[in-house]
Amino acid sequence: MTKAIPVLFAFFVMGFCDIVGISSDYAAKAFGWSSTMASLIPSVVFVWFFLLGVPTG
């Protein structure tokens, strides 16, 4: 069971990557960010997915 935890966590990260593209527009409006700042959110999540997805794959 302990070996399955990183794999399950990778699926959680993939789900977060799917929703972050939609929610970045809402975050920009809520926090008053510019479009440049809001576009950094999917980039950071992609790097997060890469760092966690490659070792589990």
N, C-alpha and C. Protein backbone atom coordinates (compact mmCIF):
# COMPACT_ATOMS: atom_id res chain seq x y z
N MET A 1 0.82 -1.20 0.00
CA MET A 1 0.00 0.00 0.00
C MET A 1 0.86 1.26 0.00
N THR A 2 1.99 1.24 0.68
CA THR A 2 2.82 2.44 0.74
C THR A 2 3.44 2.78 -0.62
N LYS A 3 3.60 1.78 -1.48
CA LYS A 3 4.13 2.07 -2.82
C LYS A 3 3.09 2.70 -3.73
N ALA A 4 1.83 2.54 -3.39
CA ALA A 4 0.77 3.11 -4.22
C ALA A 4 0.51 4.58 -3.90
N ILE A 5 0.95 5.05 -2.76
CA ILE A 5 0.68 6.43 -2.35
C ILE A 5 1.28 7.46 -3.32
N PRO A 6 2.53 7.31 -3.78
CA PRO A 6 3.04 8.28 -4.75
C PRO A 6 2.28 8.28 -6.07
N VAL A 7 1.82 7.12 -6.49
CA VAL A 7 1.06 7.03 -7.74
C VAL A 7 -0.29 7.73 -7.58
N LEU A 8 -0.95 7.51 -6.47
CA LEU A 8 -2.22 8.17 -6.22
C LEU A 8 -2.04 9.68 -6.09
N PHE A 9 -0.93 10.10 -5.49
CA PHE A 9 -0.65 11.52 -5.38
C PHE A 9 -0.41 12.14 -6.75
N ALA A 10 0.20 11.38 -7.68
CA ALA A 10 0.41 11.88 -9.04
C ALA A 10 -0.93 12.11 -9.74
N PHE A 11 -1.91 11.24 -9.50
CA PHE A 11 -3.23 11.46 -10.08
C PHE A 11 -3.88 12.71 -9.50
N PHE A 12 -3.66 12.98 -8.24
CA PHE A 12 -4.14 14.20 -7.63
C PHE A 12 -3.52 15.43 -8.30
N VAL A 13 -2.25 15.37 -8.57
CA VAL A 13 -1.55 16.48 -9.22
C VAL A 13 -2.08 16.66 -10.64
N MET A 14 -2.33 15.56 -11.36
CA MET A 14 -2.87 15.67 -12.72
C MET A 14 -4.24 16.33 -12.70
N GLY A 15 -5.06 15.99 -11.73
CA GLY A 15 -6.37 16.62 -11.61
C GLY A 15 -6.25 18.09 -11.30
N PHE A 16 -5.27 18.46 -10.50
CA PHE A 16 -5.04 19.86 -10.19
C PHE A 16 -4.57 20.62 -11.43
N CYS A 17 -3.77 19.95 -12.27
CA CYS A 17 -3.31 20.59 -13.51
C CYS A 17 -4.48 20.86 -14.44
N ASP A 18 -5.46 19.99 -14.44
CA ASP A 18 -6.63 20.21 -15.31
C ASP A 18 -7.44 21.41 -14.86
N ILE A 19 -7.58 21.60 -13.58
CA ILE A 19 -8.44 22.68 -13.08
C ILE A 19 -7.71 24.02 -13.00
N VAL A 20 -6.41 24.02 -12.99
CA VAL A 20 -5.68 25.28 -12.79
C VAL A 20 -5.79 26.19 -14.00
N GLY A 21 -5.96 25.64 -15.19
CA GLY A 21 -6.12 26.48 -16.37
C GLY A 21 -7.40 27.30 -16.31
N ILE A 22 -8.45 26.71 -15.80
CA ILE A 22 -9.72 27.40 -15.67
C ILE A 22 -9.68 28.39 -14.51
N SER A 23 -9.08 27.97 -13.42
CA SER A 23 -9.12 28.80 -12.22
C SER A 23 -8.12 29.95 -12.23
N SER A 24 -7.18 29.96 -13.15
CA SER A 24 -6.21 31.06 -13.17
C SER A 24 -6.89 32.39 -13.52
N ASP A 25 -7.92 32.35 -14.35
CA ASP A 25 -8.66 33.57 -14.66
C ASP A 25 -9.40 34.08 -13.43
N TYR A 26 -9.99 33.17 -12.67
CA TYR A 26 -10.68 33.55 -11.44
C TYR A 26 -9.70 34.10 -10.40
N ALA A 27 -8.52 33.51 -10.32
CA ALA A 27 -7.51 33.98 -9.37
C ALA A 27 -7.02 35.38 -9.75
N ALA A 28 -6.88 35.63 -11.05
CA ALA A 28 -6.43 36.95 -11.49
C ALA A 28 -7.45 38.02 -11.10
N LYS A 29 -8.73 37.69 -11.25
CA LYS A 29 -9.76 38.66 -10.88
C LYS A 29 -9.85 38.84 -9.37
N ALA A 30 -9.73 37.75 -8.63
CA ALA A 30 -9.88 37.82 -7.17
C ALA A 30 -8.72 38.55 -6.51
N PHE A 31 -7.51 38.35 -7.00
CA PHE A 31 -6.34 38.95 -6.36
C PHE A 31 -5.84 40.20 -7.06
N GLY A 32 -6.47 40.58 -8.17
CA GLY A 32 -6.07 41.77 -8.89
C GLY A 32 -4.74 41.62 -9.61
N TRP A 33 -4.44 40.42 -10.08
CA TRP A 33 -3.18 40.18 -10.78
C TRP A 33 -3.28 40.60 -12.23
N SER A 34 -2.13 40.89 -12.81
CA SER A 34 -2.09 41.15 -14.24
C SER A 34 -2.18 39.82 -15.00
N SER A 35 -2.35 39.90 -16.30
CA SER A 35 -2.43 38.66 -17.09
C SER A 35 -1.11 37.91 -17.09
N THR A 36 -0.01 38.64 -16.96
CA THR A 36 1.31 37.98 -16.90
C THR A 36 1.45 37.16 -15.62
N MET A 37 1.03 37.73 -14.52
CA MET A 37 1.10 37.02 -13.25
C MET A 37 0.17 35.80 -13.25
N ALA A 38 -1.01 35.95 -13.81
CA ALA A 38 -1.95 34.84 -13.87
C ALA A 38 -1.46 33.73 -14.80
N SER A 39 -0.72 34.09 -15.83
CA SER A 39 -0.21 33.06 -16.74
C SER A 39 0.95 32.27 -16.14
N LEU A 40 1.54 32.77 -15.07
CA LEU A 40 2.60 32.02 -14.40
C LEU A 40 2.05 30.83 -13.61
N ILE A 41 0.79 30.89 -13.22
CA ILE A 41 0.21 29.82 -12.41
C ILE A 41 0.23 28.49 -13.15
N PRO A 42 -0.28 28.39 -14.40
CA PRO A 42 -0.19 27.09 -15.09
C PRO A 42 1.24 26.63 -15.33
N SER A 43 2.15 27.58 -15.53
CA SER A 43 3.55 27.19 -15.73
C SER A 43 4.14 26.56 -14.48
N VAL A 44 3.85 27.14 -13.33
CA VAL A 44 4.36 26.59 -12.07
C VAL A 44 3.74 25.22 -11.80
N VAL A 45 2.46 25.08 -12.10
CA VAL A 45 1.80 23.78 -11.89
C VAL A 45 2.36 22.74 -12.85
N PHE A 46 2.69 23.14 -14.08
CA PHE A 46 3.30 22.20 -15.01
C PHE A 46 4.65 21.72 -14.49
N VAL A 47 5.45 22.62 -13.95
CA VAL A 47 6.75 22.22 -13.38
C VAL A 47 6.53 21.30 -12.19
N TRP A 48 5.53 21.62 -11.35
CA TRP A 48 5.18 20.77 -10.21
C TRP A 48 4.78 19.37 -10.68
N PHE A 49 3.96 19.32 -11.73
CA PHE A 49 3.56 18.03 -12.28
C PHE A 49 4.76 17.27 -12.82
N PHE A 50 5.68 17.96 -13.49
CA PHE A 50 6.87 17.31 -14.03
C PHE A 50 7.74 16.73 -12.92
N LEU A 51 7.93 17.50 -11.86
CA LEU A 51 8.80 17.04 -10.78
C LEU A 51 8.20 15.85 -10.03
N LEU A 52 6.88 15.80 -9.93
CA LEU A 52 6.25 14.70 -9.22
C LEU A 52 5.85 13.54 -10.13
N GLY A 53 5.60 13.83 -11.42
CA GLY A 53 5.14 12.80 -12.33
C GLY A 53 6.25 11.94 -12.90
N VAL A 54 7.40 12.49 -13.15
CA VAL A 54 8.50 11.73 -13.75
C VAL A 54 9.02 10.64 -12.81
N PRO A 55 9.28 10.91 -11.54
CA PRO A 55 9.77 9.83 -10.68
C PRO A 55 8.74 8.71 -10.47
N THR A 56 7.46 9.02 -10.44
CA THR A 56 6.47 7.95 -10.23
C THR A 56 6.22 7.17 -11.50
N GLY A 57 6.48 7.78 -12.67
CA GLY A 57 6.25 7.08 -13.94
C GLY A 57 7.36 6.09 -14.18
